[in-house]
C-alpha atoms as a PDB file:
ATOM      1  CA  MET A   1     121.293 111.690  72.474  1.00  0.00           C
ATOM      2  CA  TYR A   2     119.167 108.499  72.257  1.00  0.00           C
ATOM      3  CA  TYR A   3     118.551 106.406  75.379  1.00  0.00           C
ATOM      4  CA  SER A   4     117.222 102.914  74.973  1.00  0.00           C
ATOM      5  CA  ALA A   5     114.822 101.636  77.614  1.00  0.00           C
ATOM      6  CA  HIS A   6     116.565  98.285  77.306  1.00  0.00           C
ATOM      7  CA  ARG A   7     120.022  99.678  77.923  1.00  0.00           C
ATOM      8  CA  SER A   8     121.478  98.914  81.321  1.00  0.00           C
ATOM      9  CA  THR A   9     121.734 102.176  83.224  1.00  0.00           C
ATOM     10  CA  PRO A  10     121.560 102.856  86.956  1.00  0.00           C
ATOM     11  CA  PHE A  11     118.113 104.408  86.406  1.00  0.00           C
ATOM     12  CA  ASN A  12     116.807 101.383  84.455  1.00  0.00           C
ATOM     13  CA  ASN A  13     118.316  98.946  86.932  1.00  0.00           C
ATOM     14  CA  LEU A  14     116.622 100.745  89.832  1.00  0.00           C
ATOM     15  CA  PHE A  15     113.141 101.177  88.336  1.00  0.00           C
ATOM     16  CA  LYS A  16     112.785  98.169  86.027  1.00  0.00           C
ATOM     17  CA  PRO A  17     111.599  95.785  88.797  1.00  0.00           C
ATOM     18  CA  VAL A  18     109.034  98.353  89.957  1.00  0.00           C
ATOM     19  CA  MET A  19     107.743  98.978  86.438  1.00  0.00           C
ATOM     20  CA  ASP A  20     107.623  95.235  85.689  1.00  0.00           C
ATOM     21  CA  GLU A  21     105.456  94.723  88.778  1.00  0.00           C
ATOM     22  CA  ILE A  22     103.126  97.590  87.879  1.00  0.00           C
ATOM     23  CA  PHE A  23     102.614  96.356  84.320  1.00  0.00           C
ATOM     24  CA  SER A  24     102.175  92.795  85.542  1.00  0.00           C
ATOM     25  CA  GLU A  25      99.303  93.960  87.781  1.00  0.00           C
ATOM     26  CA  ILE A  26      97.772  95.959  84.906  1.00  0.00           C
ATOM     27  CA  ASN A  27      97.900  92.867  82.679  1.00  0.00           C
ATOM     28  CA  LYS A  28      96.152  90.798  85.370  1.00  0.00           C
ATOM     29  CA  PHE A  29      93.448  93.465  85.666  1.00  0.00           C
ATOM     30  CA  GLU A  30      92.958  93.702  81.899  1.00  0.00           C
ATOM     31  CA  HIS A  31      92.748  89.923  81.646  1.00  0.00           C
ATOM     32  CA  ASN A  32      89.794  89.932  84.084  1.00  0.00           C
ATOM     33  CA  ILE A  33      87.833  92.832  82.574  1.00  0.00           C
ATOM     34  CA  GLY A  34      84.260  91.723  82.099  1.00  0.00           C
ATOM     35  CA  LYS A  35      84.645  88.777  84.447  1.00  0.00           C
ATOM     36  CA  PRO A  36      82.998  88.877  87.854  1.00  0.00           C
ATOM     37  CA  ALA A  37      85.358  88.901  90.819  1.00  0.00           C
ATOM     38  CA  ALA A  38      85.710  85.601  92.672  1.00  0.00           C
ATOM     39  CA  ASN A  39      86.769  84.610  96.174  1.00  0.00           C
ATOM     40  CA  ILE A  40      87.697  81.006  96.884  1.00  0.00           C
ATOM     41  CA  LEU A  41      87.468  79.584 100.379  1.00  0.00           C
ATOM     42  CA  ASP A  42      89.030  76.352 101.666  1.00  0.00           C
ATOM     43  CA  ASN A  43      87.933  75.182 105.093  1.00  0.00           C
ATOM     44  CA  ASP A  44      88.006  71.787 106.840  1.00  0.00           C
ATOM     45  CA  VAL A  45      84.792  70.510 105.224  1.00  0.00           C
ATOM     46  CA  ASN A  46      84.240  72.489 101.980  1.00  0.00           C
ATOM     47  CA  TYR A  47      85.709  74.471  99.151  1.00  0.00           C
ATOM     48  CA  GLU A  48      83.577  77.472  98.203  1.00  0.00           C
ATOM     49  CA  ILE A  49      83.541  79.835  95.249  1.00  0.00           C
ATOM     50  CA  HIS A  50      81.878  83.202  95.843  1.00  0.00           C
ATOM     51  CA  LEU A  51      81.229  85.122  92.621  1.00  0.00           C
ATOM     52  CA  PHE A  52      80.294  88.820  92.863  1.00  0.00           C
ATOM     53  CA  VAL A  53      77.385  89.202  90.406  1.00  0.00           C
ATOM     54  CA  PRO A  54      74.810  91.766  91.572  1.00  0.00           C
ATOM     55  CA  GLY A  55      71.759  92.464  89.419  1.00  0.00           C
ATOM     56  CA  TYR A  56      71.113  88.906  88.296  1.00  0.00           C
ATOM     57  CA  GLU A  57      68.381  86.396  89.165  1.00  0.00           C
ATOM     58  CA  LYS A  58      68.943  82.718  90.019  1.00  0.00           C
ATOM     59  CA  SER A  59      67.475  81.757  86.649  1.00  0.00           C
ATOM     60  CA  ASP A  60      70.126  83.842  84.814  1.00  0.00           C
ATOM     61  CA  PHE A  61      72.948  81.436  85.705  1.00  0.00           C
ATOM     62  CA  ASN A  62      74.110  78.286  83.987  1.00  0.00           C
ATOM     63  CA  ILE A  63      76.395  76.046  86.049  1.00  0.00           C
ATOM     64  CA  SER A  64      77.956  73.008  84.391  1.00  0.00           C
ATOM     65  CA  LEU A  65      80.431  70.355  85.421  1.00  0.00           C
ATOM     66  CA  LYS A  66      82.616  68.700  82.796  1.00  0.00           C
ATOM     67  CA  GLU A  67      86.032  67.015  82.774  1.00  0.00           C
ATOM     68  CA  GLY A  68      87.049  68.199  86.231  1.00  0.00           C
ATOM     69  CA  LYS A  69      86.015  71.829  85.694  1.00  0.00           C
ATOM     70  CA  ILE A  70      83.000  73.754  86.881  1.00  0.00           C
ATOM     71  CA  THR A  71      81.811  76.572  84.653  1.00  0.00           C
ATOM     72  CA  LEU A  72      79.671  79.431  85.918  1.00  0.00           C
ATOM     73  CA  ALA A  73      78.075  81.498  83.165  1.00  0.00           C
ATOM     74  CA  SER A  74      75.301  83.919  82.284  1.00  0.00           C
ATOM     75  CA  GLU A  75      74.041  85.321  79.009  1.00  0.00           C
ATOM     76  CA  LYS A  76      72.133  88.169  80.696  1.00  0.00           C
ATOM     77  CA  GLN A  77      72.873  91.589  79.289  1.00  0.00           C
ATOM     78  CA  SER A  78      71.600  95.080  80.016  1.00  0.00           C
ATOM     79  CA  THR A  79      71.940  97.885  77.528  1.00  0.00           C
ATOM     80  CA  GLY A  80      71.723 100.811  79.911  1.00  0.00           C
ATOM     81  CA  GLU A  81      68.854 102.189  77.837  1.00  0.00           C
ATOM     82  CA  GLY A  82      66.463 104.488  79.641  1.00  0.00           C
ATOM     83  CA  TYR A  83      69.054 105.776  82.082  1.00  0.00           C
ATOM     84  CA  LYS A  84      70.285 109.343  81.986  1.00  0.00           C
ATOM     85  CA  VAL A  85      73.538 108.113  83.551  1.00  0.00           C
ATOM     86  CA  SER A  86      74.616 104.462  83.326  1.00  0.00           C
ATOM     87  CA  GLU A  87      77.853 103.644  85.158  1.00  0.00           C
ATOM     88  CA  PHE A  88      77.498  99.881  85.162  1.00  0.00           C
ATOM     89  CA  LYS A  89      76.087  97.253  82.859  1.00  0.00           C
ATOM     90  CA  ILE A  90      75.221  93.625  83.269  1.00  0.00           C
ATOM     91  CA  THR A  91      77.165  91.667  80.675  1.00  0.00           C
ATOM     92  CA  PRO A  92      77.441  87.992  79.712  1.00  0.00           C
ATOM     93  CA  PHE A  93      80.297  86.162  81.400  1.00  0.00           C
ATOM     94  CA  THR A  94      81.908  82.770  81.777  1.00  0.00           C
ATOM     95  CA  ARG A  95      84.230  81.713  84.604  1.00  0.00           C
ATOM     96  CA  SER A  96      85.704  78.213  84.853  1.00  0.00           C
ATOM     97  CA  PHE A  97      87.460  76.657  87.822  1.00  0.00           C
ATOM     98  CA  THR A  98      89.273  73.346  88.176  1.00  0.00           C
ATOM     99  CA  ILE A  99      87.658  71.183  90.822  1.00  0.00           C
ATOM    100  CA  PRO A 100      90.196  70.163  93.482  1.00  0.00           C
ATOM    101  CA  GLN A 101      91.037  66.513  94.081  1.00  0.00           C
ATOM    102  CA  GLY A 102      89.022  64.886  96.831  1.00  0.00           C
ATOM    103  CA  VAL A 103      85.701  66.603  96.092  1.00  0.00           C
ATOM    104  CA  ASP A 104      82.441  64.688  96.169  1.00  0.00           C
ATOM    105  CA  ALA A 105      80.992  65.804  92.793  1.00  0.00           C
ATOM    106  CA  SER A 106      77.520  64.562  93.762  1.00  0.00           C
ATOM    107  CA  GLU A 107      77.470  67.007  96.691  1.00  0.00           C
ATOM    108  CA  ILE A 108      78.063  70.298  94.833  1.00  0.00           C
ATOM    109  CA  LYS A 109      75.482  72.927  95.812  1.00  0.00           C
ATOM    110  CA  ALA A 110      74.848  76.462  94.561  1.00  0.00           C
ATOM    111  CA  SER A 111      72.921  79.427  95.929  1.00  0.00           C
ATOM    112  CA  TYR A 112      72.456  83.091  95.010  1.00  0.00           C
ATOM    113  CA  GLU A 113      71.803  85.746  97.614  1.00  0.00           C
ATOM    114  CA  ASN A 114      72.578  89.464  97.924  1.00  0.00           C
ATOM    115  CA  GLY A 115      74.506  89.552  94.638  1.00  0.00           C
ATOM    116  CA  ILE A 116      76.793  86.630  95.522  1.00  0.00           C
ATOM    117  CA  LEU A 117      76.665  83.336  93.611  1.00  0.00           C
ATOM    118  CA  LYS A 118      78.000  80.732  96.031  1.00  0.00           C
ATOM    119  CA  VAL A 119      79.075  77.256  94.917  1.00  0.00           C
ATOM    120  CA  VAL A 120      79.993  74.792  97.667  1.00  0.00           C
ATOM    121  CA  PHE A 121      82.057  71.656  97.031  1.00  0.00           C
ATOM    122  CA  GLN A 122      81.974  69.222  99.903  1.00  0.00           C
ATOM    123  CA  LYS A 123      85.276  67.495 100.482  1.00  0.00           C
ATOM    124  CA  ALA A 124      85.141  63.721 100.379  1.00  0.00           C
ATOM    125  CA  GLN A 125      85.040  62.250 103.880  1.00  0.00           C
ATOM    126  CA  GLU A 126      88.558  60.833 103.621  1.00  0.00           C
ATOM    127  CA  THR A 127      90.060  64.239 102.715  1.00  0.00           C
ATOM    128  CA  GLN A 128      88.358  66.286 105.447  1.00  0.00           C
ATOM    129  CA  ALA A 129      90.572  67.531 108.241  1.00  0.00           C
ATOM    130  CA  ARG A 130      90.083  65.673 111.463  1.00  0.00           C
ATOM    131  CA  THR A 131      91.755  65.010 114.778  1.00  0.00           C
ATOM    132  CA  ILE A 132      93.045  61.526 115.471  1.00  0.00           C
ATOM    133  CA  GLU A 133      92.831  60.338 119.038  1.00  0.00           C
ATOM    134  CA  ILE A 134      95.823  58.413 120.356  1.00  0.00           C
ATOM    135  CA  ILE A 135      94.729  55.266 122.158  1.00  0.00           C
END
């Protein structure tokens, strides 16, 4: 007897949402293969992007700003040659992020320390959180 995965059965109805979620997560993971992981922070004064990129030097990065997007990239590549075991490689990457409204583009700063590329976007004065005193 042939059972179609698309046929509505109690088994399919029970497990389809679970399987859809699992495959959705796998697709997200596959989409980001080869791209460094990023954390994005939003506090009262700044937005920050923290990119996990160990093994690079400051001079290996190219950061550009164009049409409301910031692009973080590197062409550095390691081949793994000379190692008996090589479990990681440094590969070229490009990550682009849309700059939020209310950012002072002239105040964007970047630093690289301990394998983290940090880009800080200062919020424009009028968009920063503040307390208003009632008089």
